[in-house]
Amino acid sequence: MPAAYIQNEAEFDALLGAESLFVVDCTASWCGPCKLIAPLIDQLADEYGDRVKVLKLDLDANREVAKRYSIRSIPAVMFFNQGEVAETLVGAKKYEEYTAALDKHLA
């Protein structure tokens, strides 16, 4: 199942309060490397969906969130733990790097 998109800042803020651990792929339709990792993020959502929410955030539609976390380069995959950014992987990475980061925070 593909990763769902967070629709707006209110939904994002609700996640911060509700989820102890979740992953957000900060992306944009015009970003080439974002398109490269999109299937990896969907795979992550599929593989880990029973344990953790894996979501996408379109930065063009959510500039306030981008500003709040000082995101200047995308793709940026943020791992949130207890409402705080625990780790951010910037740029296109291998699938194993995403799973390793997630496994570390799930442990």
PDB file of N, CA and C in Angstrom:
ATOM      1  N   MET A   1       0.841  -1.190   0.000  1.00  0.00           N
ATOM      2  CA  MET A   1       0.000   0.000   0.000  1.00  0.00           C
ATOM      3  C   MET A   1       0.882   1.248   0.000  1.00  0.00           C
ATOM      4  N   PRO A   2       0.638   2.190  -0.913  1.00  0.00           N
ATOM      5  CA  PRO A   2       1.504   3.375  -0.973  1.00  0.00           C
ATOM      6  C   PRO A   2       1.351   4.267   0.262  1.00  0.00           C
ATOM      7  N   ALA A   3       2.393   5.017   0.531  1.00  0.00           N
ATOM      8  CA  ALA A   3       2.366   5.960   1.652  1.00  0.00           C
ATOM      9  C   ALA A   3       1.356   7.062   1.345  1.00  0.00           C
ATOM     10  N   ALA A   4       0.538   7.406   2.334  1.00  0.00           N
ATOM     11  CA  ALA A   4      -0.470   8.451   2.157  1.00  0.00           C
ATOM     12  C   ALA A   4       0.169   9.825   2.300  1.00  0.00           C
ATOM     13  N   TYR A   5      -0.466  10.812   1.698  1.00  0.00           N
ATOM     14  CA  TYR A   5      -0.002  12.194   1.839  1.00  0.00           C
ATOM     15  C   TYR A   5      -0.673  12.856   3.033  1.00  0.00           C
ATOM     16  N   ILE A   6       0.116  13.602   3.800  1.00  0.00           N
ATOM     17  CA  ILE A   6      -0.421  14.452   4.861  1.00  0.00           C
ATOM     18  C   ILE A   6      -1.022  15.658   4.134  1.00  0.00           C
ATOM     19  N   GLN A   7      -2.272  15.976   4.432  1.00  0.00           N
ATOM     20  CA  GLN A   7      -2.974  17.007   3.658  1.00  0.00           C
ATOM     21  C   GLN A   7      -2.607  18.432   4.055  1.00  0.00           C
ATOM     22  N   ASN A   8      -2.361  18.671   5.348  1.00  0.00           N
ATOM     23  CA  ASN A   8      -2.119  20.044   5.781  1.00  0.00           C
ATOM     24  C   ASN A   8      -1.402  20.075   7.123  1.00  0.00           C
ATOM     25  N   GLU A   9      -1.097  21.279   7.560  1.00  0.00           N
ATOM     26  CA  GLU A   9      -0.338  21.459   8.802  1.00  0.00           C
ATOM     27  C   GLU A   9      -1.115  20.947  10.011  1.00  0.00           C
ATOM     28  N   ALA A  10      -2.443  21.101   9.995  1.00  0.00           N
ATOM     29  CA  ALA A  10      -3.263  20.629  11.120  1.00  0.00           C
ATOM     30  C   ALA A  10      -3.155  19.112  11.257  1.00  0.00           C
ATOM     31  N   GLU A  11      -3.197  18.406  10.115  1.00  0.00           N
ATOM     32  CA  GLU A  11      -3.063  16.945  10.151  1.00  0.00           C
ATOM     33  C   GLU A  11      -1.665  16.557  10.642  1.00  0.00           C
ATOM     34  N   PHE A  12      -0.665  17.305  10.191  1.00  0.00           N
ATOM     35  CA  PHE A  12       0.720  17.065  10.625  1.00  0.00           C
ATOM     36  C   PHE A  12       0.837  17.243  12.144  1.00  0.00           C
ATOM     37  N   ASP A  13       0.270  18.331  12.654  1.00  0.00           N
ATOM     38  CA  ASP A  13       0.334  18.603  14.094  1.00  0.00           C
ATOM     39  C   ASP A  13      -0.400  17.532  14.894  1.00  0.00           C
ATOM     40  N   ALA A  14      -1.500  17.031  14.358  1.00  0.00           N
ATOM     41  CA  ALA A  14      -2.250  15.963  15.027  1.00  0.00           C
ATOM     42  C   ALA A  14      -1.393  14.699  15.125  1.00  0.00           C
ATOM     43  N   LEU A  15      -0.637  14.415  14.079  1.00  0.00           N
ATOM     44  CA  LEU A  15       0.258  13.250  14.082  1.00  0.00           C
ATOM     45  C   LEU A  15       1.326  13.389  15.160  1.00  0.00           C
ATOM     46  N   LEU A  16       1.868  14.589  15.291  1.00  0.00           N
ATOM     47  CA  LEU A  16       2.901  14.835  16.311  1.00  0.00           C
ATOM     48  C   LEU A  16       2.398  14.461  17.693  1.00  0.00           C
ATOM     49  N   GLY A  17       1.125  14.757  17.932  1.00  0.00           N
ATOM     50  CA  GLY A  17       0.559  14.475  19.239  1.00  0.00           C
ATOM     51  C   GLY A  17       0.112  13.032  19.410  1.00  0.00           C
ATOM     52  N   ALA A  18      -0.254  12.393  18.303  1.00  0.00           N
ATOM     53  CA  ALA A  18      -0.891  11.072  18.393  1.00  0.00           C
ATOM     54  C   ALA A  18       0.066   9.895  18.211  1.00  0.00           C
ATOM     55  N   GLU A  19       1.088  10.086  17.401  1.00  0.00           N
ATOM     56  CA  GLU A  19       1.964   8.963  17.050  1.00  0.00           C
ATOM     57  C   GLU A  19       3.294   9.064  17.793  1.00  0.00           C
ATOM     58  N   SER A  20       3.704   7.988  18.442  1.00  0.00           N
ATOM     59  CA  SER A  20       4.998   8.036  19.133  1.00  0.00           C
ATOM     60  C   SER A  20       6.142   7.975  18.122  1.00  0.00           C
ATOM     61  N   LEU A  21       5.946   7.239  17.028  1.00  0.00           N
ATOM     62  CA  LEU A  21       6.985   7.121  16.002  1.00  0.00           C
ATOM     63  C   LEU A  21       6.330   7.157  14.632  1.00  0.00           C
ATOM     64  N   PHE A  22       6.805   8.055  13.751  1.00  0.00           N
ATOM     65  CA  PHE A  22       6.334   8.052  12.373  1.00  0.00           C
ATOM     66  C   PHE A  22       7.395   8.637  11.448  1.00  0.00           C
ATOM     67  N   VAL A  23       7.229   8.374  10.166  1.00  0.00           N
ATOM     68  CA  VAL A  23       8.201   8.776   9.155  1.00  0.00           C
ATOM     69  C   VAL A  23       7.504   9.691   8.156  1.00  0.00           C
ATOM     70  N   VAL A  24       8.172  10.797   7.794  1.00  0.00           N
ATOM     71  CA  VAL A  24       7.616  11.723   6.813  1.00  0.00           C
ATOM     72  C   VAL A  24       8.637  11.962   5.705  1.00  0.00           C
ATOM     73  N   ASP A  25       8.217  11.653   4.482  1.00  0.00           N
ATOM     74  CA  ASP A  25       9.028  11.924   3.299  1.00  0.00           C
ATOM     75  C   ASP A  25       8.611  13.284   2.770  1.00  0.00           C
ATOM     76  N   CYS A  26       9.503  14.277   2.894  1.00  0.00           N
ATOM     77  CA  CYS A  26       9.230  15.620   2.373  1.00  0.00           C
ATOM     78  C   CYS A  26       9.587  15.630   0.894  1.00  0.00           C
ATOM     79  N   THR A  27       8.595  15.910   0.070  1.00  0.00           N
ATOM     80  CA  THR A  27       8.744  15.724  -1.358  1.00  0.00           C
ATOM     81  C   THR A  27       8.104  16.874  -2.128  1.00  0.00           C
ATOM     82  N   ALA A  28       8.275  16.893  -3.448  1.00  0.00           N
ATOM     83  CA  ALA A  28       7.614  17.860  -4.324  1.00  0.00           C
ATOM     84  C   ALA A  28       7.515  17.246  -5.710  1.00  0.00           C
ATOM     85  N   SER A  29       6.476  17.600  -6.427  1.00  0.00           N
ATOM     86  CA  SER A  29       6.218  16.982  -7.736  1.00  0.00           C
ATOM     87  C   SER A  29       7.316  17.267  -8.757  1.00  0.00           C
ATOM     88  N   TRP A  30       8.026  18.396  -8.606  1.00  0.00           N
ATOM     89  CA  TRP A  30       9.055  18.786  -9.570  1.00  0.00           C
ATOM     90  C   TRP A  30      10.440  18.209  -9.246  1.00  0.00           C
ATOM     91  N   CYS A  31      10.546  17.498  -8.125  1.00  0.00           N
ATOM     92  CA  CYS A  31      11.852  17.036  -7.633  1.00  0.00           C
ATOM     93  C   CYS A  31      12.195  15.647  -8.183  1.00  0.00           C
ATOM     94  N   GLY A  32      13.231  15.583  -9.017  1.00  0.00           N
ATOM     95  CA  GLY A  32      13.664  14.318  -9.617  1.00  0.00           C
ATOM     96  C   GLY A  32      14.050  13.243  -8.607  1.00  0.00           C
ATOM     97  N   PRO A  33      14.980  13.558  -7.681  1.00  0.00           N
ATOM     98  CA  PRO A  33      15.373  12.550  -6.682  1.00  0.00           C
ATOM     99  C   PRO A  33      14.197  12.078  -5.823  1.00  0.00           C
ATOM    100  N   CYS A  34      13.201  12.965  -5.608  1.00  0.00           N
ATOM    101  CA  CYS A  34      12.011  12.573  -4.833  1.00  0.00           C
ATOM    102  C   CYS A  34      11.271  11.455  -5.554  1.00  0.00           C
ATOM    103  N   LYS A  35      11.199  11.582  -6.891  1.00  0.00           N
ATOM    104  CA  LYS A  35      10.521  10.552  -7.687  1.00  0.00           C
ATOM    105  C   LYS A  35      11.273   9.231  -7.603  1.00  0.00           C
ATOM    106  N   LEU A  36      12.610   9.319  -7.507  1.00  0.00           N
ATOM    107  CA  LEU A  36      13.429   8.106  -7.390  1.00  0.00           C
ATOM    108  C   LEU A  36      13.137   7.340  -6.110  1.00  0.00           C
ATOM    109  N   ILE A  37      12.965   8.056  -5.003  1.00  0.00           N
ATOM    110  CA  ILE A  37      12.770   7.354  -3.733  1.00  0.00           C
ATOM    111  C   ILE A  37      11.298   7.067  -3.432  1.00  0.00           C
ATOM    112  N   ALA A  38      10.375   7.642  -4.208  1.00  0.00           N
ATOM    113  CA  ALA A  38       8.945   7.435  -3.953  1.00  0.00           C
ATOM    114  C   ALA A  38       8.572   5.952  -3.824  1.00  0.00           C
ATOM    115  N   PRO A  39       9.056   5.079  -4.738  1.00  0.00           N
ATOM    116  CA  PRO A  39       8.714   3.657  -4.581  1.00  0.00           C
ATOM    117  C   PRO A  39       9.324   3.039  -3.322  1.00  0.00           C
ATOM    118  N   LEU A  40      10.468   3.556  -2.877  1.00  0.00           N
ATOM    119  CA  LEU A  40      11.107   3.048  -1.663  1.00  0.00           C
ATOM    120  C   LEU A  40      10.279   3.417  -0.431  1.00  0.00           C
ATOM    121  N   ILE A  41       9.756   4.638  -0.439  1.00  0.00           N
ATOM    122  CA  ILE A  41       8.926   5.097   0.678  1.00  0.00           C
ATOM    123  C   ILE A  41       7.626   4.288   0.711  1.00  0.00           C
ATOM    124  N   ASP A  42       7.077   4.010  -0.474  1.00  0.00           N
ATOM    125  CA  ASP A  42       5.870   3.178  -0.546  1.00  0.00           C
ATOM    126  C   ASP A  42       6.166   1.770  -0.029  1.00  0.00           C
ATOM    127  N   GLN A  43       7.330   1.256  -0.371  1.00  0.00           N
ATOM    128  CA  GLN A  43       7.738  -0.080   0.098  1.00  0.00           C
ATOM    129  C   GLN A  43       7.883  -0.083   1.626  1.00  0.00           C
ATOM    130  N   LEU A  44       8.457   1.003   2.154  1.00  0.00           N
ATOM    131  CA  LEU A  44       8.618   1.160   3.600  1.00  0.00           C
ATOM    132  C   LEU A  44       7.239   1.165   4.275  1.00  0.00           C
ATOM    133  N   ALA A  45       6.301   1.905   3.691  1.00  0.00           N
ATOM    134  CA  ALA A  45       4.937   1.977   4.223  1.00  0.00           C
ATOM    135  C   ALA A  45       4.300   0.594   4.215  1.00  0.00           C
ATOM    136  N   ASP A  46       4.555  -0.147   3.153  1.00  0.00           N
ATOM    137  CA  ASP A  46       3.986  -1.479   3.006  1.00  0.00           C
ATOM    138  C   ASP A  46       4.586  -2.446   4.029  1.00  0.00           C
ATOM    139  N   GLU A  47       5.901  -2.382   4.150  1.00  0.00           N
ATOM    140  CA  GLU A  47       6.625  -3.332   4.998  1.00  0.00           C
ATOM    141  C   GLU A  47       6.468  -3.046   6.499  1.00  0.00           C
ATOM    142  N   TYR A  48       6.402  -1.766   6.852  1.00  0.00           N
ATOM    143  CA  TYR A  48       6.377  -1.378   8.266  1.00  0.00           C
ATOM    144  C   TYR A  48       5.008  -0.854   8.718  1.00  0.00           C
ATOM    145  N   GLY A  49       4.047  -0.844   7.804  1.00  0.00           N
ATOM    146  CA  GLY A  49       2.740  -0.238   8.071  1.00  0.00           C
ATOM    147  C   GLY A  49       2.023  -0.723   9.308  1.00  0.00           C
ATOM    148  N   ASP A  50       2.300  -1.958   9.715  1.00  0.00           N
ATOM    149  CA  ASP A  50       1.631  -2.481  10.908  1.00  0.00           C
ATOM    150  C   ASP A  50       2.282  -1.968  12.196  1.00  0.00           C
ATOM    151  N   ARG A  51       3.467  -1.369  12.074  1.00  0.00           N
ATOM    152  CA  ARG A  51       4.188  -0.908  13.268  1.00  0.00           C
ATOM    153  C   ARG A  51       4.373   0.599  13.347  1.00  0.00           C
ATOM    154  N   VAL A  52       4.405   1.237  12.190  1.00  0.00           N
ATOM    155  CA  VAL A  52       4.700   2.678  12.175  1.00  0.00           C
ATOM    156  C   VAL A  52       4.046   3.327  10.955  1.00  0.00           C
ATOM    157  N   LYS A  53       3.581   4.570  11.106  1.00  0.00           N
ATOM    158  CA  LYS A  53       3.006   5.293   9.972  1.00  0.00           C
ATOM    159  C   LYS A  53       4.142   5.858   9.122  1.00  0.00           C
ATOM    160  N   VAL A  54       4.058   5.621   7.812  1.00  0.00           N
ATOM    161  CA  VAL A  54       5.013   6.184   6.859  1.00  0.00           C
ATOM    162  C   VAL A  54       4.194   7.063   5.920  1.00  0.00           C
ATOM    163  N   LEU A  55       4.529   8.362   5.888  1.00  0.00           N
ATOM    164  CA  LEU A  55       3.716   9.331   5.159  1.00  0.00           C
ATOM    165  C   LEU A  55       4.561  10.214   4.255  1.00  0.00           C
ATOM    166  N   LYS A  56       3.881  10.883   3.331  1.00  0.00           N
ATOM    167  CA  LYS A  56       4.547  11.849   2.454  1.00  0.00           C
ATOM    168  C   LYS A  56       3.952  13.220   2.711  1.00  0.00           C
ATOM    169  N   LEU A  57       4.783  14.230   2.497  1.00  0.00           N
ATOM    170  CA  LEU A  57       4.350  15.618   2.689  1.00  0.00           C
ATOM    171  C   LEU A  57       4.809  16.426   1.490  1.00  0.00           C
ATOM    172  N   ASP A  58       3.851  16.987   0.741  1.00  0.00           N
ATOM    173  CA  ASP A  58       4.179  17.835  -0.409  1.00  0.00           C
ATOM    174  C   ASP A  58       4.554  19.213   0.132  1.00  0.00           C
ATOM    175  N   LEU A  59       5.826  19.570  -0.033  1.00  0.00           N
ATOM    176  CA  LEU A  59       6.298  20.823   0.566  1.00  0.00           C
ATOM    177  C   LEU A  59       5.738  22.062  -0.116  1.00  0.00           C
ATOM    178  N   ASP A  60       5.374  21.941  -1.398  1.00  0.00           N
ATOM    179  CA  ASP A  60       4.776  23.096  -2.073  1.00  0.00           C
ATOM    180  C   ASP A  60       3.438  23.458  -1.430  1.00  0.00           C
ATOM    181  N   ALA A  61       2.727  22.431  -0.946  1.00  0.00           N
ATOM    182  CA  ALA A  61       1.424  22.659  -0.331  1.00  0.00           C
ATOM    183  C   ALA A  61       1.543  22.889   1.182  1.00  0.00           C
ATOM    184  N   ASN A  62       2.737  22.658   1.722  1.00  0.00           N
ATOM    185  CA  ASN A  62       2.932  22.754   3.177  1.00  0.00           C
ATOM    186  C   ASN A  62       4.213  23.505   3.519  1.00  0.00           C
ATOM    187  N   ARG A  63       4.299  24.725   3.010  1.00  0.00           N
ATOM    188  CA  ARG A  63       5.517  25.520   3.214  1.00  0.00           C
ATOM    189  C   ARG A  63       5.810  25.813   4.679  1.00  0.00           C
ATOM    190  N   GLU A  64       4.762  25.943   5.487  1.00  0.00           N
ATOM    191  CA  GLU A  64       4.956  26.242   6.910  1.00  0.00           C
ATOM    192  C   GLU A  64       5.695  25.119   7.625  1.00  0.00           C
ATOM    193  N   VAL A  65       5.365  23.872   7.268  1.00  0.00           N
ATOM    194  CA  VAL A  65       6.037  22.725   7.882  1.00  0.00           C
ATOM    195  C   VAL A  65       7.505  22.719   7.456  1.00  0.00           C
ATOM    196  N   ALA A  66       7.751  22.999   6.175  1.00  0.00           N
ATOM    197  CA  ALA A  66       9.128  23.059   5.664  1.00  0.00           C
ATOM    198  C   ALA A  66       9.928  24.111   6.414  1.00  0.00           C
ATOM    199  N   LYS A  67       9.304  25.260   6.631  1.00  0.00           N
ATOM    200  CA  LYS A  67       9.960  26.360   7.338  1.00  0.00           C
ATOM    201  C   LYS A  67      10.246  25.976   8.794  1.00  0.00           C
ATOM    202  N   ARG A  68       9.273  25.334   9.426  1.00  0.00           N
ATOM    203  CA  ARG A  68       9.400  24.957  10.835  1.00  0.00           C
ATOM    204  C   ARG A  68      10.594  24.039  11.059  1.00  0.00           C
ATOM    205  N   TYR A  69      10.848  23.146  10.104  1.00  0.00           N
ATOM    206  CA  TYR A  69      11.946  22.183  10.261  1.00  0.00           C
ATOM    207  C   TYR A  69      13.174  22.554   9.416  1.00  0.00           C
ATOM    208  N   SER A  70      13.190  23.777   8.892  1.00  0.00           N
ATOM    209  CA  SER A  70      14.327  24.286   8.104  1.00  0.00           C
ATOM    210  C   SER A  70      14.746  23.319   7.000  1.00  0.00           C
ATOM    211  N   ILE A  71      13.765  22.822   6.259  1.00  0.00           N
ATOM    212  CA  ILE A  71      14.071  21.898   5.164  1.00  0.00           C
ATOM    213  C   ILE A  71      14.450  22.715   3.937  1.00  0.00           C
ATOM    214  N   ARG A  72      15.702  22.551   3.507  1.00  0.00           N
ATOM    215  CA  ARG A  72      16.202  23.299   2.358  1.00  0.00           C
ATOM    216  C   ARG A  72      16.503  22.391   1.178  1.00  0.00           C
ATOM    217  N   SER A  73      16.703  21.116   1.432  1.00  0.00           N
ATOM    218  CA  SER A  73      16.997  20.156   0.367  1.00  0.00           C
ATOM    219  C   SER A  73      16.016  19.004   0.462  1.00  0.00           C
ATOM    220  N   ILE A  74      15.529  18.581  -0.702  1.00  0.00           N
ATOM    221  CA  ILE A  74      14.650  17.413  -0.714  1.00  0.00           C
ATOM    222  C   ILE A  74      15.162  16.413  -1.739  1.00  0.00           C
ATOM    223  N   PRO A  75      14.859  15.154  -1.612  1.00  0.00           N
ATOM    224  CA  PRO A  75      14.003  14.592  -0.584  1.00  0.00           C
ATOM    225  C   PRO A  75      14.655  14.642   0.802  1.00  0.00           C
ATOM    226  N   ALA A  76      13.815  14.860   1.807  1.00  0.00           N
ATOM    227  CA  ALA A  76      14.250  14.800   3.205  1.00  0.00           C
ATOM    228  C   ALA A  76      13.273  13.880   3.924  1.00  0.00           C
ATOM    229  N   VAL A  77      13.784  12.784   4.427  1.00  0.00           N
ATOM    230  CA  VAL A  77      12.938  11.827   5.135  1.00  0.00           C
ATOM    231  C   VAL A  77      13.194  11.995   6.630  1.00  0.00           C
ATOM    232  N   MET A  78      12.151  12.460   7.328  1.00  0.00           N
ATOM    233  CA  MET A  78      12.284  12.744   8.753  1.00  0.00           C
ATOM    234  C   MET A  78      11.656  11.620   9.577  1.00  0.00           C
ATOM    235  N   PHE A  79      12.393  11.207  10.603  1.00  0.00           N
ATOM    236  CA  PHE A  79      11.915  10.183  11.529  1.00  0.00           C
ATOM    237  C   PHE A  79      11.550  10.892  12.825  1.00  0.00           C
ATOM    238  N   PHE A  80      10.276  10.857  13.177  1.00  0.00           N
ATOM    239  CA  PHE A  80       9.794  11.521  14.382  1.00  0.00           C
ATOM    240  C   PHE A  80       9.618  10.510  15.505  1.00  0.00           C
ATOM    241  N   ASN A  81      10.152  10.856  16.674  1.00  0.00           N
ATOM    242  CA  ASN A  81      10.008  10.002  17.840  1.00  0.00           C
ATOM    243  C   ASN A  81       9.513  10.881  18.984  1.00  0.00           C
ATOM    244  N   GLN A  82       8.360  10.543  19.544  1.00  0.00           N
ATOM    245  CA  GLN A  82       7.751  11.328  20.638  1.00  0.00           C
ATOM    246  C   GLN A  82       7.606  12.809  20.268  1.00  0.00           C
ATOM    247  N   GLY A  83       7.211  13.094  19.031  1.00  0.00           N
ATOM    248  CA  GLY A  83       6.956  14.465  18.607  1.00  0.00           C
ATOM    249  C   GLY A  83       8.175  15.278  18.220  1.00  0.00           C
ATOM    250  N   GLU A  84       9.354  14.669  18.313  1.00  0.00           N
ATOM    251  CA  GLU A  84      10.595  15.375  17.959  1.00  0.00           C
ATOM    252  C   GLU A  84      11.261  14.682  16.767  1.00  0.00           C
ATOM    253  N   VAL A  85      12.012  15.460  15.971  1.00  0.00           N
ATOM    254  CA  VAL A  85      12.769  14.856  14.880  1.00  0.00           C
ATOM    255  C   VAL A  85      13.947  14.099  15.473  1.00  0.00           C
ATOM    256  N   ALA A  86      13.947  12.796  15.284  1.00  0.00           N
ATOM    257  CA  ALA A  86      15.028  11.971  15.819  1.00  0.00           C
ATOM    258  C   ALA A  86      16.155  11.843  14.807  1.00  0.00           C
ATOM    259  N   GLU A  87      15.799  11.934  13.523  1.00  0.00           N
ATOM    260  CA  GLU A  87      16.788  11.751  12.456  1.00  0.00           C
ATOM    261  C   GLU A  87      16.203  12.267  11.149  1.00  0.00           C
ATOM    262  N   THR A  88      17.062  12.811  10.284  1.00  0.00           N
ATOM    263  CA  THR A  88      16.636  13.217   8.947  1.00  0.00           C
ATOM    264  C   THR A  88      17.654  12.713   7.935  1.00  0.00           C
ATOM    265  N   LEU A  89      17.166  12.010   6.929  1.00  0.00           N
ATOM    266  CA  LEU A  89      18.026  11.559   5.838  1.00  0.00           C
ATOM    267  C   LEU A  89      17.727  12.437   4.631  1.00  0.00           C
ATOM    268  N   VAL A  90      18.732  13.195   4.177  1.00  0.00           N
ATOM    269  CA  VAL A  90      18.545  14.123   3.062  1.00  0.00           C
ATOM    270  C   VAL A  90      19.169  13.546   1.798  1.00  0.00           C
ATOM    271  N   GLY A  91      18.441  13.683   0.697  1.00  0.00           N
ATOM    272  CA  GLY A  91      18.923  13.167  -0.585  1.00  0.00           C
ATOM    273  C   GLY A  91      18.422  11.751  -0.819  1.00  0.00           C
ATOM    274  N   ALA A  92      18.598  11.278  -2.044  1.00  0.00           N
ATOM    275  CA  ALA A  92      18.151   9.930  -2.390  1.00  0.00           C
ATOM    276  C   ALA A  92      19.085   8.905  -1.752  1.00  0.00           C
ATOM    277  N   LYS A  93      18.519   8.012  -0.978  1.00  0.00           N
ATOM    278  CA  LYS A  93      19.297   6.972  -0.287  1.00  0.00           C
ATOM    279  C   LYS A  93      18.835   5.596  -0.756  1.00  0.00           C
ATOM    280  N   LYS A  94      19.620   4.593  -0.388  1.00  0.00           N
ATOM    281  CA  LYS A  94      19.218   3.217  -0.666  1.00  0.00           C
ATOM    282  C   LYS A  94      18.136   2.805   0.329  1.00  0.00           C
ATOM    283  N   TYR A  95      17.325   1.841  -0.075  1.00  0.00           N
ATOM    284  CA  TYR A  95      16.242   1.364   0.784  1.00  0.00           C
ATOM    285  C   TYR A  95      16.766   0.921   2.151  1.00  0.00           C
ATOM    286  N   GLU A  96      17.926   0.271   2.139  1.00  0.00           N
ATOM    287  CA  GLU A  96      18.518  -0.243   3.378  1.00  0.00           C
ATOM    288  C   GLU A  96      18.818   0.868   4.383  1.00  0.00           C
ATOM    289  N   GLU A  97      19.108   2.061   3.889  1.00  0.00           N
ATOM    290  CA  GLU A  97      19.390   3.172   4.813  1.00  0.00           C
ATOM    291  C   GLU A  97      18.121   3.606   5.542  1.00  0.00           C
ATOM    292  N   TYR A  98      16.999   3.575   4.819  1.00  0.00           N
ATOM    293  CA  TYR A  98      15.722   3.937   5.450  1.00  0.00           C
ATOM    294  C   TYR A  98      15.297   2.874   6.460  1.00  0.00           C
ATOM    295  N   THR A  99      15.448   1.605   6.083  1.00  0.00           N
ATOM    296  CA  THR A  99      15.042   0.535   7.000  1.00  0.00           C
ATOM    297  C   THR A  99      15.956   0.505   8.224  1.00  0.00           C
ATOM    298  N   ALA A 100      17.256   0.756   8.030  1.00  0.00           N
ATOM    299  CA  ALA A 100      18.203   0.753   9.160  1.00  0.00           C
ATOM    300  C   ALA A 100      17.833   1.859  10.153  1.00  0.00           C
ATOM    301  N   ALA A 101      17.489   3.052   9.631  1.00  0.00           N
ATOM    302  CA  ALA A 101      17.117   4.163  10.506  1.00  0.00           C
ATOM    303  C   ALA A 101      15.833   3.826  11.253  1.00  0.00           C
ATOM    304  N   LEU A 102      14.880   3.253  10.553  1.00  0.00           N
ATOM    305  CA  LEU A 102      13.602   2.915  11.186  1.00  0.00           C
ATOM    306  C   LEU A 102      13.757   1.814  12.218  1.00  0.00           C
ATOM    307  N   ASP A 103      14.525   0.806  11.882  1.00  0.00           N
ATOM    308  CA  ASP A 103      14.772  -0.307  12.823  1.00  0.00           C
ATOM    309  C   ASP A 103      15.405   0.196  14.112  1.00  0.00           C
ATOM    310  N   LYS A 104      16.327   1.167  13.955  1.00  0.00           N
ATOM    311  CA  LYS A 104      17.013   1.735  15.115  1.00  0.00           C
ATOM    312  C   LYS A 104      16.016   2.405  16.064  1.00  0.00           C
ATOM    313  N   HIS A 105      15.037   3.120  15.484  1.00  0.00           N
ATOM    314  CA  HIS A 105      14.063   3.840  16.308  1.00  0.00           C
ATOM    315  C   HIS A 105      12.950   2.926  16.821  1.00  0.00           C
ATOM    316  N   LEU A 106      12.758   1.803  16.167  1.00  0.00           N
ATOM    317  CA  LEU A 106      11.755   0.841  16.626  1.00  0.00           C
ATOM    318  C   LEU A 106      12.293  -0.027  17.764  1.00  0.00           C
ATOM    319  N   ALA A 107      13.615  -0.117  17.839  1.00  0.00           N
ATOM    320  CA  ALA A 107      14.251  -1.015  18.830  1.00  0.00           C
ATOM    321  C   ALA A 107      13.969  -0.563  20.254  1.00  0.00           C
TER     322      ALA A 107
END
